[in-house]
Amino acid sequence: MKPLLEIRTIPMSVEYKINKARYEIINTDASVEITHNKSGIKMQMKPIKLKLDTVETNGLDGDFLRNGIKSTYVAKVNYAEESNMMLNINIRDNPIPEILLNKFSSDVNFNLEFVPTVGSEMSWDPQELSIKYEMDKLNFDWKINRPEINFIPGNIEIIIKEYPRVEINYTGKPIYVPASADPDYKPIDTFA
């Protein structure tokens, strides 16, 4: 005869998860800022300066002025005489060769009296040229932060997968009262 009840005990099911302590480094990205300065050229030119000192050549004294006035009067007289000679032309007389001869035989130094005998004093400052050239420039500004270190402590996780329990199963057949109510009932042969 089989047992009518089947009793089964299921223990508790536990899972342990251990997380170790660790360090975590957080790196921030480095950034750079670039500025660009364009090249340029600067030129500065100072031209040559010429200085003429004519103070001594302009020093007109009284004799110089008197000689100038006298020369002016002499020139006027000569022009007046030549004009008169030209006006009194006879057909036979030709005054032009005589006028020309007087011109060529005149005193050559007369024309040089008004030219200064002392030259001008000359001095000069040389020219200057300065060139300043600046090349292209790139300026880099790096922004780097120090790395940050985080400590994450370890922990133990306990996961209960199944609680303990008792299972009871009835393995027998139902008992019918009266016994003839059982569908599988076979009457007992009492004559056998």
Protein backbone atom coordinates (compact mmCIF):
# COMPACT_ATOMS: atom_id res chain seq x y z
CA MET A 1 0.00 0.00 0.00
CA LYS A 2 1.33 3.48 -0.98
CA PRO A 3 1.54 6.41 1.46
CA LEU A 4 -1.31 8.80 1.05
CA LEU A 5 0.74 11.95 1.69
CA GLU A 6 4.07 13.11 0.21
CA ILE A 7 5.76 15.83 2.30
CA ARG A 8 8.67 17.74 0.79
CA THR A 9 10.76 20.46 2.56
CA ILE A 10 12.36 23.17 0.35
CA PRO A 11 15.15 25.12 2.06
CA MET A 12 15.86 28.84 1.66
CA SER A 13 17.91 29.84 -1.45
CA VAL A 14 20.32 32.74 -0.86
CA GLU A 15 22.80 34.39 -3.29
CA TYR A 16 25.69 36.51 -2.10
CA LYS A 17 27.18 39.26 -4.31
CA ILE A 18 30.43 40.85 -3.14
CA ASN A 19 31.51 44.18 -4.70
CA LYS A 20 35.14 45.01 -3.97
CA ALA A 21 36.23 48.50 -2.99
CA ARG A 22 37.70 50.47 -5.91
CA TYR A 23 39.08 53.81 -7.01
CA GLU A 24 37.49 55.62 -9.92
CA ILE A 25 39.47 58.30 -11.78
CA ILE A 26 37.45 61.01 -13.46
CA ASN A 27 39.41 62.72 -16.18
CA THR A 28 38.15 65.98 -17.56
CA ASP A 29 38.87 66.73 -21.17
CA ALA A 30 41.58 69.28 -21.83
CA SER A 31 40.55 72.30 -23.82
CA VAL A 32 42.69 74.73 -25.79
CA GLU A 33 41.96 78.26 -26.85
CA ILE A 34 43.85 79.46 -29.93
CA THR A 35 44.12 83.10 -30.92
CA HIS A 36 45.65 84.20 -34.20
CA ASN A 37 47.50 87.49 -34.68
CA LYS A 38 48.07 88.40 -38.31
CA SER A 39 51.46 89.47 -39.55
CA GLY A 40 52.14 93.10 -40.31
CA ILE A 41 54.81 95.37 -41.68
CA LYS A 42 55.46 98.93 -40.54
CA MET A 43 57.73 101.17 -42.56
CA GLN A 44 58.90 104.60 -41.51
CA MET A 45 60.92 106.72 -43.90
CA LYS A 46 62.67 109.96 -43.16
CA PRO A 47 63.81 111.67 -46.39
CA ILE A 48 67.18 113.33 -46.78
CA LYS A 49 67.35 116.94 -45.54
CA LEU A 50 69.56 119.37 -47.44
CA LYS A 51 70.59 122.57 -45.67
CA LEU A 52 71.95 125.48 -47.74
CA ASP A 53 73.48 128.31 -45.75
CA THR A 54 73.65 131.41 -47.98
CA VAL A 55 74.21 133.98 -45.24
CA GLU A 56 77.69 134.89 -46.48
CA THR A 57 76.60 135.10 -50.13
CA ASN A 58 73.79 137.49 -49.20
CA GLY A 59 76.04 139.80 -47.27
CA LEU A 60 75.58 142.91 -49.46
CA ASP A 61 77.84 145.71 -48.36
CA GLY A 62 77.81 149.37 -49.54
CA ASP A 63 80.51 148.93 -52.24
CA PHE A 64 78.62 146.04 -53.74
CA LEU A 65 75.44 148.11 -53.98
CA ARG A 66 77.27 151.14 -55.42
CA ASN A 67 78.94 148.98 -58.08
CA GLY A 68 75.57 147.50 -58.95
CA ILE A 69 73.97 150.91 -59.38
CA LYS A 70 76.95 152.14 -61.44
CA SER A 71 76.76 149.04 -63.66
CA THR A 72 73.05 149.65 -64.19
CA TYR A 73 73.67 153.21 -65.31
CA VAL A 74 76.49 152.12 -67.66
CA ALA A 75 74.24 149.49 -69.19
CA LYS A 76 71.48 152.07 -69.70
CA VAL A 77 73.88 154.45 -71.42
CA ASN A 78 75.16 151.69 -73.70
CA TYR A 79 71.64 150.68 -74.67
CA ALA A 80 70.69 154.29 -75.33
CA GLU A 81 73.76 154.81 -77.56
CA GLU A 82 73.06 151.60 -79.45
CA SER A 83 69.43 152.62 -79.92
CA ASN A 84 70.47 156.01 -81.26
CA MET A 85 72.92 154.35 -83.63
CA MET A 86 70.18 152.09 -84.88
CA LEU A 87 67.79 155.03 -85.37
CA ASN A 88 70.34 157.13 -87.32
CA ILE A 89 70.87 154.60 -90.01
CA ASN A 90 71.88 155.88 -93.36
CA ILE A 91 71.75 153.70 -96.36
CA ARG A 92 75.53 153.80 -96.63
CA ASP A 93 76.31 153.38 -92.93
CA ASN A 94 75.71 150.00 -91.25
CA PRO A 95 76.01 150.39 -87.43
CA ILE A 96 75.42 146.68 -86.62
CA PRO A 97 79.08 145.54 -87.10
CA GLU A 98 80.23 148.35 -84.85
CA ILE A 99 77.68 147.47 -82.15
CA LEU A 100 78.70 143.83 -82.29
CA LEU A 101 82.38 144.73 -82.10
CA ASN A 102 81.71 146.84 -78.99
CA LYS A 103 79.79 143.95 -77.41
CA PHE A 104 82.61 141.45 -77.96
CA SER A 105 85.37 143.78 -76.84
CA SER A 106 83.57 144.84 -73.64
CA ASP A 107 84.89 143.89 -70.22
CA VAL A 108 84.05 140.22 -69.55
CA ASN A 109 84.39 140.61 -65.76
CA PHE A 110 81.51 143.08 -65.75
CA ASN A 111 78.98 140.28 -66.01
CA LEU A 112 80.57 138.39 -63.12
CA GLU A 113 80.47 141.26 -60.63
CA PHE A 114 77.08 140.19 -59.27
CA VAL A 115 78.03 136.53 -58.85
CA PRO A 116 78.99 135.89 -55.21
CA THR A 117 82.61 134.93 -54.67
CA VAL A 118 81.81 132.81 -51.59
CA GLY A 119 79.89 129.55 -52.15
CA SER A 120 76.91 128.41 -50.15
CA GLU A 121 77.57 126.21 -47.14
CA MET A 122 75.87 122.84 -47.64
CA SER A 123 75.06 120.18 -45.06
CA TRP A 124 72.55 117.34 -44.99
CA ASP A 125 70.98 114.77 -42.74
CA PRO A 126 70.99 111.32 -44.36
CA GLN A 127 67.76 109.56 -45.09
CA GLU A 128 66.50 106.88 -42.74
CA LEU A 129 64.33 103.88 -43.44
CA SER A 130 63.13 101.66 -40.63
CA ILE A 131 61.14 98.50 -41.30
CA LYS A 132 59.43 96.53 -38.55
CA TYR A 133 57.96 93.19 -39.56
CA GLU A 134 55.98 90.96 -37.26
CA MET A 135 55.24 87.38 -38.26
CA ASP A 136 51.96 85.57 -37.75
CA LYS A 137 51.47 84.52 -34.15
CA LEU A 138 49.41 81.70 -32.67
CA ASN A 139 48.71 81.89 -28.95
CA PHE A 140 47.68 78.67 -27.20
CA ASP A 141 45.87 78.78 -23.87
CA TRP A 142 45.59 75.24 -22.45
CA LYS A 143 42.95 74.54 -19.82
CA ILE A 144 43.74 71.25 -18.05
CA ASN A 145 42.09 70.25 -14.77
CA ARG A 146 43.66 67.79 -12.36
CA PRO A 147 42.12 64.32 -12.44
CA GLU A 148 39.61 63.60 -9.68
CA ILE A 149 39.78 60.31 -7.77
CA ASN A 150 36.60 58.90 -6.23
CA PHE A 151 36.70 56.05 -3.68
CA ILE A 152 33.82 53.61 -3.94
CA PRO A 153 33.69 51.37 -0.83
CA GLY A 154 33.04 47.66 -1.14
CA ASN A 155 29.72 46.08 -0.17
CA ILE A 156 28.05 42.70 0.18
CA GLU A 157 24.62 42.11 -1.33
CA ILE A 158 22.45 39.25 -0.07
CA ILE A 159 19.75 38.21 -2.51
CA ILE A 160 17.08 35.79 -1.24
CA LYS A 161 15.96 33.84 -4.26
CA GLU A 162 13.57 31.48 -2.51
CA TYR A 163 12.05 31.34 0.96
CA PRO A 164 11.85 28.00 2.86
CA ARG A 165 8.58 26.12 2.54
CA VAL A 166 6.96 22.76 3.01
CA GLU A 167 4.99 21.13 0.17
CA ILE A 168 2.42 18.46 1.05
CA ASN A 169 0.99 16.40 -1.80
CA TYR A 170 -1.85 13.95 -1.41
CA THR A 171 -0.91 10.89 -3.46
CA GLY A 172 -3.81 8.61 -2.56
CA LYS A 173 -7.20 8.32 -4.17
CA PRO A 174 -10.32 9.80 -2.74
CA ILE A 175 -12.29 7.60 -0.41
CA TYR A 176 -15.90 7.26 -1.45
CA VAL A 177 -18.58 6.48 0.99
CA PRO A 178 -20.31 4.23 0.05
CA ALA A 179 -17.57 2.47 -1.89
CA SER A 180 -19.89 1.85 -4.77
CA ALA A 181 -19.83 5.59 -5.55
CA ASP A 182 -16.25 5.22 -6.83
CA PRO A 183 -16.24 5.32 -10.64
CA ASP A 184 -13.55 2.65 -10.71
CA TYR A 185 -15.47 0.44 -8.27
CA LYS A 186 -15.59 -3.21 -9.01
CA PRO A 187 -17.87 -5.20 -6.84
CA ILE A 188 -16.23 -7.90 -4.87
CA ASP A 189 -17.17 -11.35 -6.12
CA THR A 190 -18.28 -13.06 -2.98
CA PHE A 191 -19.10 -16.31 -4.79
CA ALA A 192 -15.61 -16.90 -5.92
